[in-house]
Protein backbone atom coordinates (compact mmCIF):
# COMPACT_ATOMS: atom_id res chain seq x y z
CA MET A 1 75.03 91.00 72.77
CA ASN A 2 78.27 92.29 71.99
CA ASN A 3 80.91 89.30 71.25
CA ASN A 4 83.56 90.58 73.20
CA ARG A 5 81.08 90.32 76.27
CA LEU A 6 79.97 87.04 75.57
CA ILE A 7 83.86 86.17 75.05
CA LEU A 8 84.48 88.17 78.56
CA ILE A 9 81.98 86.39 80.42
CA GLY A 10 82.67 82.32 78.51
CA LEU A 11 86.67 82.89 79.70
CA LEU A 12 85.85 84.67 83.12
CA ILE A 13 83.53 81.88 84.49
CA PRO A 14 85.49 78.68 84.03
CA ALA A 15 88.06 80.89 85.72
CA ILE A 16 86.20 81.89 88.57
CA LEU A 17 84.87 78.63 89.16
CA MET A 18 88.74 77.09 88.90
CA ILE A 19 90.05 78.58 91.76
CA PRO A 20 88.38 77.25 94.70
CA PHE A 21 88.47 74.03 93.06
CA SER A 22 92.75 75.00 92.59
CA ILE A 23 92.45 75.65 95.96
CA ILE A 24 90.54 72.46 97.31
CA SER A 25 92.13 70.32 94.87
CA PHE A 26 96.09 71.70 96.73
CA TYR A 27 94.92 71.30 100.06
CA THR A 28 93.39 67.90 100.04
CA ASP A 29 95.64 66.38 97.52
CA PHE A 30 99.33 68.18 98.56
CA ALA A 31 99.27 69.98 101.64
CA ASN A 32 101.03 68.75 104.19
CA ARG A 33 102.32 65.42 102.62
CA ASN A 34 105.79 65.76 102.26
CA PRO A 35 107.76 65.47 105.88
CA ASP A 36 110.32 68.56 106.60
CA PRO A 37 113.39 68.30 104.94
CA LEU A 38 115.10 69.84 108.38
CA SER A 39 113.46 67.49 110.29
CA VAL A 40 114.81 63.95 108.02
CA THR A 41 118.22 63.33 109.84
CA VAL A 42 120.87 60.55 109.68
CA ASP A 43 123.14 60.45 112.58
CA PHE A 44 126.84 59.22 111.77
CA ASP A 45 129.72 59.79 113.85
CA GLN A 46 127.74 62.03 116.83
CA ASN A 47 126.66 64.42 113.71
CA ALA A 48 122.80 64.82 113.10
CA TYR A 49 122.95 65.35 109.35
CA ASN A 50 119.79 66.73 107.72
CA ALA A 51 117.91 66.10 104.33
CA VAL A 52 119.06 69.80 103.36
CA GLU A 53 122.85 69.33 103.67
CA GLY A 54 122.51 66.17 102.03
CA LYS A 55 120.85 67.82 98.95
CA LYS A 56 123.67 70.47 98.98
CA ALA A 57 126.25 67.03 98.68
CA PHE A 58 124.39 65.53 96.14
CA GLU A 59 124.61 68.52 94.13
CA GLN A 60 128.17 69.15 94.68
CA TYR A 61 129.43 65.41 93.89
CA GLN A 62 127.06 65.77 90.53
CA CYS A 63 124.74 62.46 91.27
CA MET A 64 122.35 63.84 88.97
CA ASP A 65 124.64 63.73 86.09
CA CYS A 66 123.82 59.46 86.42
CA HIS A 67 120.67 59.61 88.49
CA THR A 68 117.59 60.87 88.58
CA ILE A 69 115.37 62.24 91.71
CA VAL A 70 111.53 61.26 91.27
CA GLY A 71 112.44 61.86 86.88
CA ASN A 72 114.70 64.96 87.67
CA GLY A 73 118.29 64.50 86.60
CA ALA A 74 119.75 62.10 83.70
CA TYR A 75 118.50 58.69 82.37
CA PHE A 76 122.22 56.39 82.89
CA ALA A 77 121.87 54.77 86.55
CA PRO A 78 118.08 54.17 88.53
CA ASP A 79 115.94 56.89 89.69
CA LEU A 80 117.14 57.15 93.65
CA THR A 81 113.40 58.04 94.86
CA THR A 82 112.82 55.30 96.57
CA VAL A 83 116.29 53.52 96.85
CA TYR A 84 116.57 54.11 100.31
CA LYS A 85 113.57 51.40 100.72
CA ARG A 86 115.14 49.51 98.17
CA ILE A 87 118.67 49.19 100.16
CA GLY A 88 116.72 47.94 103.56
CA GLU A 89 116.21 51.88 105.03
CA ASN A 90 119.95 50.48 106.65
CA ASP A 91 121.73 54.23 106.46
CA ALA A 92 124.99 52.43 107.24
CA ALA A 93 124.15 50.17 103.93
CA LEU A 94 123.15 53.05 101.71
CA SER A 95 126.32 55.47 102.77
CA ASN A 96 128.42 52.15 102.11
CA PHE A 97 127.35 51.58 99.04
CA ILE A 98 127.70 55.24 97.79
CA LEU A 99 131.37 55.08 98.99
CA SER A 100 132.09 51.77 97.19
CA GLY A 101 129.73 52.05 94.11
CA ALA A 102 129.10 49.26 91.89
CA SER A 103 131.15 48.63 89.53
CA ALA A 104 129.79 46.05 88.02
CA LYS A 105 126.99 48.30 86.91
CA GLY A 106 129.09 51.04 85.68
CA MET A 107 128.68 53.14 89.02
CA GLN A 108 132.56 54.05 90.25
CA PRO A 109 133.28 54.66 93.59
CA MET A 110 132.74 58.01 94.86
CA ARG A 111 135.34 57.52 96.94
CA ASP A 112 137.30 58.14 93.67
CA ARG A 113 135.81 61.44 93.42
CA GLY A 114 136.99 62.64 96.87
CA MET A 115 133.22 61.99 98.74
CA THR A 116 133.85 61.69 102.62
CA GLU A 117 132.15 59.29 104.84
CA ASP A 118 130.02 62.47 106.19
CA ASP A 119 129.19 63.54 102.89
CA ALA A 120 127.68 60.06 102.38
CA TYR A 121 125.65 60.38 105.49
CA ARG A 122 124.35 63.60 104.02
CA ILE A 123 123.57 62.12 101.01
CA THR A 124 121.93 59.37 102.57
CA ALA A 125 119.63 61.92 104.88
CA PHE A 126 118.98 63.67 101.60
CA LEU A 127 117.67 60.18 100.22
CA LYS A 128 115.96 59.40 103.42
CA TYR A 129 113.67 62.03 102.58
CA ALA A 130 113.05 61.60 98.97
CA ASN A 131 112.06 58.18 99.43
CA MET A 132 109.31 59.74 102.10
CA LEU A 133 108.24 61.93 99.64
CA ASP A 134 104.67 61.82 98.20
CA THR A 135 105.09 60.84 94.66
CA ASN A 136 101.80 58.77 94.36
CA GLY A 137 103.69 55.56 94.03
CA TRP A 138 106.40 56.95 91.36
CA PRO A 139 108.26 55.33 90.22
CA GLY A 140 107.93 51.72 91.47
CA ALA A 141 110.13 49.50 93.02
CA GLY A 142 113.19 51.11 90.19
CA SER A 143 115.50 48.50 88.94
CA TRP A 144 119.19 48.61 87.93
CA GLU A 145 118.31 46.67 84.35
CA ARG A 146 117.94 49.03 81.45
CA ASP A 147 115.54 48.35 79.51
CA GLY A 148 113.83 51.69 78.70
CA ASN A 149 111.52 51.76 81.71
CA PRO A 150 112.22 53.84 84.76
CA ASP A 151 111.23 50.75 87.23
CA SER A 152 111.11 47.49 85.19
CA THR A 153 107.44 47.81 84.50
CA SER A 154 105.56 47.44 81.06
CA ALA A 155 104.13 51.19 80.63
CA LYS A 156 100.17 50.77 80.78
CA LYS A 157 97.92 52.15 78.32
CA LEU A 158 95.37 54.66 79.37
CA ASP A 159 91.67 52.98 78.69
CA PHE A 160 88.13 55.68 78.60
CA PHE A 161 87.35 54.49 81.75
CA ASP A 162 90.71 55.58 83.56
CA ILE A 163 89.92 59.31 82.76
CA TRP A 164 85.95 59.40 83.15
CA GLN A 165 86.08 61.75 85.57
CA VAL A 166 88.07 64.41 83.64
CA VAL A 167 86.20 63.91 80.71
CA SER A 168 83.27 64.39 82.58
CA GLY A 169 83.89 67.04 84.49
CA ILE A 170 84.83 69.10 81.54
CA VAL A 171 81.55 68.49 79.87
CA PHE A 172 79.90 69.28 83.15
CA ILE A 173 82.02 72.83 82.78
CA ASN A 174 80.72 73.36 79.75
CA VAL A 175 77.49 72.22 79.91
CA LEU A 176 76.98 75.04 83.24
CA ILE A 177 79.01 77.74 81.21
CA PHE A 178 76.41 77.42 78.14
CA ALA A 179 73.18 77.33 80.79
CA ILE A 180 74.91 80.57 82.14
CA ILE A 181 74.90 82.86 79.39
CA LEU A 182 71.82 81.23 77.39
CA ALA A 183 69.93 82.14 80.83
CA TYR A 184 71.76 85.87 80.72
CA GLU A 185 70.81 85.91 77.09
CA ASN A 186 67.10 85.05 77.84
CA LYS A 187 67.01 87.84 80.43
CA LYS A 188 68.68 90.40 78.15
CA ASN A 189 66.45 89.69 75.67
CA ASP A 190 63.31 89.57 78.19
CA ARG A 191 64.48 93.21 79.42
CA GLU A 192 64.35 94.60 75.76
CA ALA A 193 61.24 93.50 74.65
């Protein structure tokens, strides 16, 4: 068999096998687990602010210059993915905390940067939405402690037994590809003989 054909078959088979597995994985693991950001709202002063408006305010006040959301942003201040839960899922308490800041911990009052109560409630809607995201349990409880770990827990080292499914899947795919190529070669040799 031509080496180029063999290489092409070796590349096409995994690609063809990965397409349905990818589709199945997407729909079983991630589809429809996260809420619609327009439906996550916070009410304040006879207005309802949604998470999309809140994300715009979050960006306007450059909150990610210090904080992170799901690990994205700066690492000076805590990850805010679960701050809504940590503050007791209280819209007013979180909005007031944002406006007042925590000067003892290095967070200046956002009122000093021109933030209004409406903007604080908008950001609260975004943080409420971030709290509802399916992050597979990450980032944990979160913390103001700056000990090098995002959630003040020590990092877990991976054991072989934690990844046995991945290793066995890779071995299975490789054996399957080898068996298909071997069967093809045997059939080709039988035709030529």
